Protein backbone atom coordinates (compact mmCIF):
# COMPACT_ATOMS: atom_id res chain seq x y z
CA MET A 1 83.64 -83.77 62.47
CA ALA A 2 81.95 -86.16 64.93
CA ILE A 3 81.62 -89.70 66.16
CA GLN A 4 78.32 -91.07 64.88
CA PRO A 5 76.13 -93.79 66.40
CA ILE A 6 76.42 -97.16 64.65
CA LEU A 7 73.19 -98.69 63.39
CA ARG A 8 72.62 -102.19 64.71
CA TYR A 9 71.13 -105.21 63.02
CA PRO A 10 68.23 -105.53 62.14
CA HIS A 11 68.00 -101.80 61.23
CA PRO A 12 66.57 -101.67 57.67
CA VAL A 13 69.20 -99.21 56.35
CA LEU A 14 71.85 -101.92 56.82
CA LYS A 15 70.15 -104.00 54.10
CA LYS A 16 69.91 -101.19 51.54
CA LEU A 17 72.00 -100.89 48.39
CA CYS A 18 73.99 -97.65 48.64
CA HIS A 19 73.98 -95.05 45.87
CA ARG A 20 77.05 -93.97 43.91
CA VAL A 21 78.51 -90.64 44.92
CA GLY A 22 78.38 -87.94 42.25
CA PRO A 23 80.38 -84.75 42.66
CA ILE A 24 82.55 -84.71 45.76
CA ASP A 25 81.56 -81.74 47.87
CA ARG A 26 81.87 -80.57 51.47
CA SER A 27 79.14 -83.00 52.61
CA ILE A 28 81.21 -85.97 51.33
CA HIS A 29 84.32 -84.66 53.08
CA ASN A 30 82.29 -84.30 56.30
CA LEU A 31 80.91 -87.83 55.88
CA ILE A 32 84.43 -89.24 55.46
CA GLN A 33 85.64 -87.43 58.58
CA ASP A 34 82.64 -88.78 60.52
CA LEU A 35 83.48 -92.30 59.32
CA VAL A 36 87.13 -91.96 60.35
CA ASP A 37 86.18 -90.54 63.76
CA THR A 38 83.61 -93.29 64.30
CA MET A 39 86.07 -96.01 63.23
CA HIS A 40 88.75 -94.72 65.62
CA ASP A 41 86.20 -94.65 68.45
CA GLY A 42 85.00 -98.22 67.90
CA PRO A 43 86.51 -101.01 69.99
CA GLY A 44 89.06 -102.66 67.69
CA SER A 45 87.36 -101.26 64.60
CA VAL A 46 89.30 -101.41 61.32
CA GLY A 47 86.57 -100.00 59.08
CA VAL A 48 83.17 -98.35 58.79
CA ALA A 49 80.79 -97.95 55.87
CA ALA A 50 78.45 -95.00 55.40
CA SER A 51 75.36 -97.21 55.71
CA GLN A 52 76.42 -98.13 59.25
CA ILE A 53 75.84 -94.51 60.27
CA GLY A 54 72.62 -94.23 58.26
CA VAL A 55 73.95 -92.71 55.02
CA THR A 56 73.20 -94.73 51.88
CA LEU A 57 76.16 -93.56 49.81
CA ARG A 58 79.04 -95.72 48.48
CA VAL A 59 81.67 -94.46 50.92
CA CYS A 60 83.74 -96.44 53.42
CA VAL A 61 86.98 -96.20 55.35
CA VAL A 62 89.45 -98.95 56.28
CA ASP A 63 92.65 -98.84 58.31
CA VAL A 64 94.20 -102.10 59.53
CA SER A 65 97.61 -100.58 60.31
CA LYS A 66 97.07 -100.59 64.08
CA ASN A 67 95.62 -104.10 64.22
CA ARG A 68 97.97 -107.00 64.95
CA HIS A 69 96.66 -108.88 61.89
CA GLY A 70 97.28 -106.00 59.49
CA LYS A 71 100.28 -104.23 60.95
CA GLU A 72 102.82 -105.64 58.49
CA ASN A 73 100.75 -105.49 55.30
CA ASN A 74 98.56 -102.44 54.71
CA HIS A 75 97.98 -99.24 52.76
CA GLY A 76 97.28 -97.12 55.86
CA LEU A 77 94.04 -95.19 56.07
CA LEU A 78 91.91 -95.82 52.97
CA CYS A 79 89.05 -93.37 52.39
CA MET A 80 87.15 -94.93 49.50
CA ILE A 81 84.42 -93.37 47.40
CA ASN A 82 82.58 -95.65 44.93
CA PRO A 83 84.98 -98.59 45.44
CA GLU A 84 84.84 -101.48 42.97
CA ILE A 85 86.68 -104.78 43.13
CA THR A 86 88.08 -105.70 39.73
CA ASN A 87 89.87 -108.94 40.61
CA ARG A 88 89.74 -111.56 43.38
CA SER A 89 92.02 -114.51 44.05
CA GLY A 90 92.61 -117.06 46.78
CA LEU A 91 90.12 -118.08 49.42
CA ALA A 92 90.35 -118.30 53.18
CA THR A 93 87.94 -118.59 56.09
CA MET A 94 88.40 -115.91 58.72
CA ARG A 95 86.51 -114.96 61.87
CA GLU A 96 84.76 -111.62 61.42
CA GLY A 97 82.96 -109.25 63.73
CA CYS A 98 81.04 -106.07 63.10
CA MET A 99 80.02 -103.02 65.11
CA SER A 100 76.52 -103.38 63.63
CA VAL A 101 76.29 -106.95 64.98
CA PRO A 102 78.14 -106.51 68.29
CA ASP A 103 77.01 -109.71 69.99
CA TYR A 104 78.33 -112.20 67.41
CA THR A 105 81.34 -113.16 65.32
CA GLY A 106 81.35 -115.61 62.46
CA ASP A 107 83.49 -117.60 60.06
CA VAL A 108 83.33 -116.09 56.56
CA ASP A 109 84.99 -117.16 53.30
CA ARG A 110 86.74 -114.25 51.57
CA ALA A 111 89.23 -113.73 48.76
CA THR A 112 92.77 -113.45 50.12
CA GLU A 113 93.84 -110.92 47.49
CA ILE A 114 91.79 -108.26 45.72
CA THR A 115 92.45 -105.50 43.24
CA LEU A 116 90.12 -102.55 43.47
CA HIS A 117 89.76 -99.00 42.32
CA PHE A 118 88.06 -96.12 44.07
CA THR A 119 87.94 -92.35 44.12
CA LEU A 120 89.92 -90.48 46.75
CA PRO A 121 88.42 -87.49 48.60
CA ASP A 122 90.42 -85.15 46.34
CA GLY A 123 88.67 -86.64 43.29
CA THR A 124 91.54 -88.70 41.89
CA LEU A 125 91.13 -92.35 40.97
CA ARG A 126 93.31 -94.88 42.80
CA GLU A 127 93.89 -98.58 42.18
CA ILE A 128 95.45 -100.90 44.76
CA THR A 129 96.00 -104.57 45.37
CA ALA A 130 95.28 -105.61 48.95
CA SER A 131 95.93 -108.97 50.56
CA GLY A 132 95.43 -110.82 53.82
CA PHE A 133 93.59 -109.08 56.63
CA GLU A 134 93.38 -105.79 54.74
CA ALA A 135 91.65 -107.50 51.79
CA VAL A 136 89.17 -109.12 54.18
CA ALA A 137 88.42 -105.79 55.90
CA ILE A 138 87.86 -104.04 52.56
CA GLN A 139 85.50 -106.79 51.35
CA HIS A 140 83.59 -106.61 54.66
CA GLU A 141 83.08 -102.83 54.36
CA MET A 142 82.20 -103.03 50.68
CA ASP A 143 79.56 -105.66 51.50
CA HIS A 144 77.89 -103.04 53.71
CA LEU A 145 77.59 -100.79 50.63
CA ASP A 146 75.60 -103.59 48.97
CA GLY A 147 73.35 -104.21 51.98
CA VAL A 148 75.16 -107.42 52.91
CA LEU A 149 76.17 -108.25 56.48
CA PHE A 150 78.74 -110.85 57.51
CA LEU A 151 75.76 -112.80 58.89
CA ASP A 152 74.68 -113.30 55.27
CA ARG A 153 78.05 -114.89 54.45
CA VAL A 154 78.69 -117.06 57.53
CA THR A 155 79.95 -120.45 56.39
CA SER A 156 77.47 -122.30 58.61
CA ILE A 157 74.85 -120.88 60.96
CA LYS A 158 75.17 -124.04 63.12
CA THR A 159 78.97 -124.24 63.38
CA GLY A 160 80.28 -120.88 62.11
CA LEU A 161 78.44 -118.32 64.24
CA PHE A 162 79.65 -117.50 67.76
CA ARG A 163 78.35 -115.37 70.61
CA ARG A 164 80.95 -112.73 71.39
CA LYS A 165 82.33 -113.08 74.90
CA ASN A 166 83.10 -109.38 75.34
CA TYR A 167 83.31 -106.33 73.10
């Protein structure tokens, strides 16, 4: 459909809890296409959540397959409706950035492996286990659906938050 503008912190929509999607209709398919187009347009973007484009529905997309950190271990393009993590294991600190907070990156603790289920755009339920960079990207996007930014999870505001040199 179209590349959408990304809301930037401190926009109030970014802190809202997103609503579950009911029946999947044309508007949800259009939203997913907008998210994919917006993700592909973003500099180095590996995911976008609906709230980042001003829509408070539990929809996000993730694709780490073109990123050097996710190239070897990924599920390709994931278009997730009502995603839920059912299991988490491991813990690692990774540097994260976000199109909604373009001037900063930060060290965030995340599970290194997650199992989740979500609804696909065709209405079927899917369950996957993701690990490494893909697991981190999924958790980051799912946080957006709960009104949580990586800034809320930075390990230390004094030593774990960094001004981005260029974007």
